[in-house]
N, C-alpha and C. Protein backbone atom coordinates (compact mmCIF):
# COMPACT_ATOMS: atom_id res chain seq x y z
N MET A 1 0.35 10.73 24.66
CA MET A 1 0.44 10.90 26.10
C MET A 1 1.06 12.27 26.36
N LYS A 2 0.45 13.01 27.26
CA LYS A 2 0.96 14.33 27.62
C LYS A 2 2.05 14.17 28.68
N MET A 3 3.22 14.70 28.38
CA MET A 3 4.34 14.62 29.32
C MET A 3 4.47 15.96 30.03
N ASN A 4 3.95 16.00 31.26
CA ASN A 4 3.96 17.26 31.99
C ASN A 4 4.55 17.13 33.39
N ALA A 5 5.34 16.08 33.61
CA ALA A 5 5.99 15.88 34.89
C ALA A 5 7.40 15.37 34.65
N GLY A 6 8.26 15.58 35.63
CA GLY A 6 9.63 15.13 35.50
C GLY A 6 10.10 14.40 36.74
N ILE A 7 11.18 13.67 36.57
CA ILE A 7 11.85 12.97 37.67
C ILE A 7 13.31 13.34 37.62
N ARG A 8 13.86 13.68 38.76
CA ARG A 8 15.29 13.97 38.83
C ARG A 8 15.93 12.95 39.76
N ILE A 9 16.97 12.29 39.27
CA ILE A 9 17.66 11.27 40.08
C ILE A 9 19.14 11.60 40.15
N ARG A 10 19.79 11.12 41.19
CA ARG A 10 21.23 11.28 41.35
C ARG A 10 21.87 9.92 41.09
N ILE A 11 22.82 9.87 40.17
CA ILE A 11 23.57 8.65 39.91
C ILE A 11 25.04 9.00 39.74
N ASP A 12 25.85 7.99 39.78
CA ASP A 12 27.29 8.14 39.60
C ASP A 12 27.57 8.70 38.20
N ARG A 13 28.49 9.62 38.09
CA ARG A 13 28.81 10.26 36.81
C ARG A 13 29.22 9.24 35.75
N GLU A 14 30.03 8.26 36.14
CA GLU A 14 30.47 7.25 35.17
C GLU A 14 29.29 6.42 34.67
N GLN A 15 28.36 6.11 35.56
CA GLN A 15 27.17 5.36 35.14
C GLN A 15 26.35 6.18 34.15
N ARG A 16 26.17 7.46 34.42
CA ARG A 16 25.42 8.33 33.52
C ARG A 16 26.07 8.37 32.14
N GLU A 17 27.39 8.56 32.12
CA GLU A 17 28.10 8.64 30.85
C GLU A 17 28.03 7.33 30.09
N ALA A 18 28.16 6.21 30.80
CA ALA A 18 28.08 4.90 30.15
C ALA A 18 26.67 4.66 29.60
N PHE A 19 25.66 5.06 30.35
CA PHE A 19 24.28 4.91 29.90
C PHE A 19 24.02 5.75 28.66
N GLN A 20 24.43 7.00 28.68
CA GLN A 20 24.23 7.88 27.55
C GLN A 20 24.98 7.37 26.32
N SER A 21 26.18 6.87 26.53
CA SER A 21 26.96 6.32 25.43
C SER A 21 26.29 5.09 24.83
N ALA A 22 25.78 4.22 25.68
CA ALA A 22 25.09 3.02 25.21
C ALA A 22 23.83 3.40 24.44
N CYS A 23 23.12 4.40 24.90
CA CYS A 23 21.92 4.86 24.19
C CYS A 23 22.28 5.40 22.82
N ARG A 24 23.32 6.23 22.75
CA ARG A 24 23.75 6.77 21.46
C ARG A 24 24.15 5.65 20.51
N ALA A 25 24.86 4.64 21.04
CA ALA A 25 25.29 3.51 20.21
C ALA A 25 24.10 2.74 19.63
N GLN A 26 22.98 2.74 20.37
CA GLN A 26 21.76 2.05 19.91
C GLN A 26 20.87 2.97 19.09
N GLY A 27 21.27 4.23 18.96
CA GLY A 27 20.49 5.18 18.16
C GLY A 27 19.22 5.66 18.84
N CYS A 28 19.25 5.71 20.17
CA CYS A 28 18.06 6.17 20.88
C CYS A 28 18.42 7.22 21.92
N GLN A 29 17.40 7.93 22.38
CA GLN A 29 17.58 8.95 23.40
C GLN A 29 17.49 8.32 24.79
N ALA A 30 18.32 8.78 25.71
CA ALA A 30 18.30 8.27 27.08
C ALA A 30 16.92 8.46 27.71
N SER A 31 16.29 9.59 27.46
CA SER A 31 14.97 9.85 28.05
C SER A 31 13.94 8.85 27.54
N ASP A 32 14.01 8.47 26.27
CA ASP A 32 13.08 7.47 25.73
C ASP A 32 13.28 6.11 26.39
N VAL A 33 14.54 5.75 26.61
CA VAL A 33 14.84 4.47 27.27
C VAL A 33 14.29 4.46 28.69
N LEU A 34 14.48 5.56 29.41
CA LEU A 34 13.98 5.64 30.79
C LEU A 34 12.46 5.62 30.84
N ARG A 35 11.81 6.34 29.92
CA ARG A 35 10.34 6.31 29.88
C ARG A 35 9.84 4.89 29.60
N ASP A 36 10.49 4.19 28.66
CA ASP A 36 10.10 2.82 28.36
C ASP A 36 10.29 1.92 29.58
N PHE A 37 11.39 2.11 30.30
CA PHE A 37 11.63 1.32 31.51
C PHE A 37 10.51 1.55 32.53
N ILE A 38 10.12 2.82 32.72
CA ILE A 38 9.08 3.14 33.69
C ILE A 38 7.77 2.47 33.31
N VAL A 39 7.41 2.53 32.04
CA VAL A 39 6.17 1.90 31.58
C VAL A 39 6.21 0.39 31.85
N ARG A 40 7.33 -0.26 31.49
CA ARG A 40 7.44 -1.71 31.72
C ARG A 40 7.44 -2.05 33.20
N PHE A 41 8.08 -1.23 34.03
CA PHE A 41 8.11 -1.46 35.47
C PHE A 41 6.69 -1.40 36.04
N ILE A 42 5.93 -0.42 35.61
CA ILE A 42 4.54 -0.30 36.07
C ILE A 42 3.73 -1.51 35.63
N GLU A 43 3.93 -1.95 34.40
CA GLU A 43 3.21 -3.13 33.91
C GLU A 43 3.52 -4.37 34.75
N LEU A 44 4.76 -4.51 35.19
CA LEU A 44 5.16 -5.68 35.97
C LEU A 44 4.79 -5.59 37.44
N HIS A 45 4.84 -4.39 38.00
CA HIS A 45 4.75 -4.25 39.45
C HIS A 45 3.55 -3.46 39.94
N GLY A 46 2.70 -3.02 39.10
CA GLY A 46 1.52 -2.30 39.55
C GLY A 46 1.07 -1.30 38.50
N THR A 47 -0.19 -0.99 38.54
CA THR A 47 -0.76 -0.14 37.51
C THR A 47 -0.94 1.30 37.96
N GLY A 48 -0.57 1.62 39.15
CA GLY A 48 -0.74 3.00 39.59
C GLY A 48 -0.27 3.21 41.00
N GLN A 49 -0.48 4.42 41.47
CA GLN A 49 -0.03 4.78 42.81
C GLN A 49 -0.74 3.97 43.89
N ARG A 50 -1.99 3.61 43.68
CA ARG A 50 -2.71 2.85 44.68
C ARG A 50 -1.96 1.56 45.00
N ASP A 51 -1.50 0.84 43.96
CA ASP A 51 -0.76 -0.40 44.18
C ASP A 51 0.52 -0.15 44.95
N LEU A 52 1.21 0.94 44.63
CA LEU A 52 2.45 1.27 45.32
C LEU A 52 2.18 1.52 46.79
N PHE A 53 1.14 2.30 47.10
CA PHE A 53 0.84 2.62 48.49
C PHE A 53 0.40 1.38 49.27
N VAL A 54 -0.34 0.48 48.64
CA VAL A 54 -0.73 -0.77 49.29
C VAL A 54 0.51 -1.56 49.65
N GLN A 55 1.47 -1.63 48.73
CA GLN A 55 2.71 -2.36 49.00
C GLN A 55 3.46 -1.72 50.16
N LEU A 56 3.56 -0.40 50.16
CA LEU A 56 4.30 0.28 51.22
C LEU A 56 3.62 0.13 52.57
N GLU A 57 2.29 0.22 52.60
CA GLU A 57 1.56 0.09 53.85
C GLU A 57 1.68 -1.31 54.43
N SER A 58 1.79 -2.31 53.56
CA SER A 58 1.89 -3.68 54.04
C SER A 58 3.32 -4.04 54.44
N GLY A 59 4.25 -3.10 54.23
CA GLY A 59 5.63 -3.35 54.60
C GLY A 59 6.44 -4.07 53.55
N LYS A 60 5.84 -4.30 52.39
CA LYS A 60 6.56 -4.98 51.32
C LYS A 60 7.53 -4.02 50.65
N LYS A 61 8.70 -4.51 50.36
CA LYS A 61 9.68 -3.72 49.61
C LYS A 61 9.45 -3.94 48.12
N ILE A 62 9.66 -2.89 47.35
CA ILE A 62 9.59 -3.02 45.90
C ILE A 62 10.91 -3.61 45.44
N GLN A 63 10.83 -4.74 44.76
CA GLN A 63 12.04 -5.42 44.31
C GLN A 63 12.36 -5.00 42.89
N ARG A 64 13.62 -4.74 42.65
CA ARG A 64 14.06 -4.37 41.31
C ARG A 64 14.48 -5.61 40.56
N ASP A 65 13.97 -5.75 39.36
CA ASP A 65 14.36 -6.83 38.46
C ASP A 65 15.38 -6.25 37.50
N VAL A 66 16.64 -6.60 37.69
CA VAL A 66 17.70 -6.03 36.85
C VAL A 66 18.09 -6.97 35.71
N SER A 67 17.33 -8.06 35.55
CA SER A 67 17.63 -8.97 34.46
C SER A 67 17.17 -8.35 33.15
N HIS A 68 17.79 -8.75 32.09
CA HIS A 68 17.44 -8.27 30.76
C HIS A 68 16.88 -9.43 29.98
N GLY A 69 15.56 -9.56 29.96
CA GLY A 69 14.99 -10.73 29.32
C GLY A 69 14.04 -10.48 28.27
């Protein structure tokens, strides 16, 4: 897969540090964990932008599943 786009997000400094520390403890890169999360999120909630726009147009909110299952 060609990676030619980026996402920049703002989060609390302590959350970032805790996330990076947890990734290091698991022997993985934070960017790999985030890419994996994005892929799984798309699999669960839609396969592309069209699905996202349909949800937004219909007034549906995108719900976050924060469970670890």
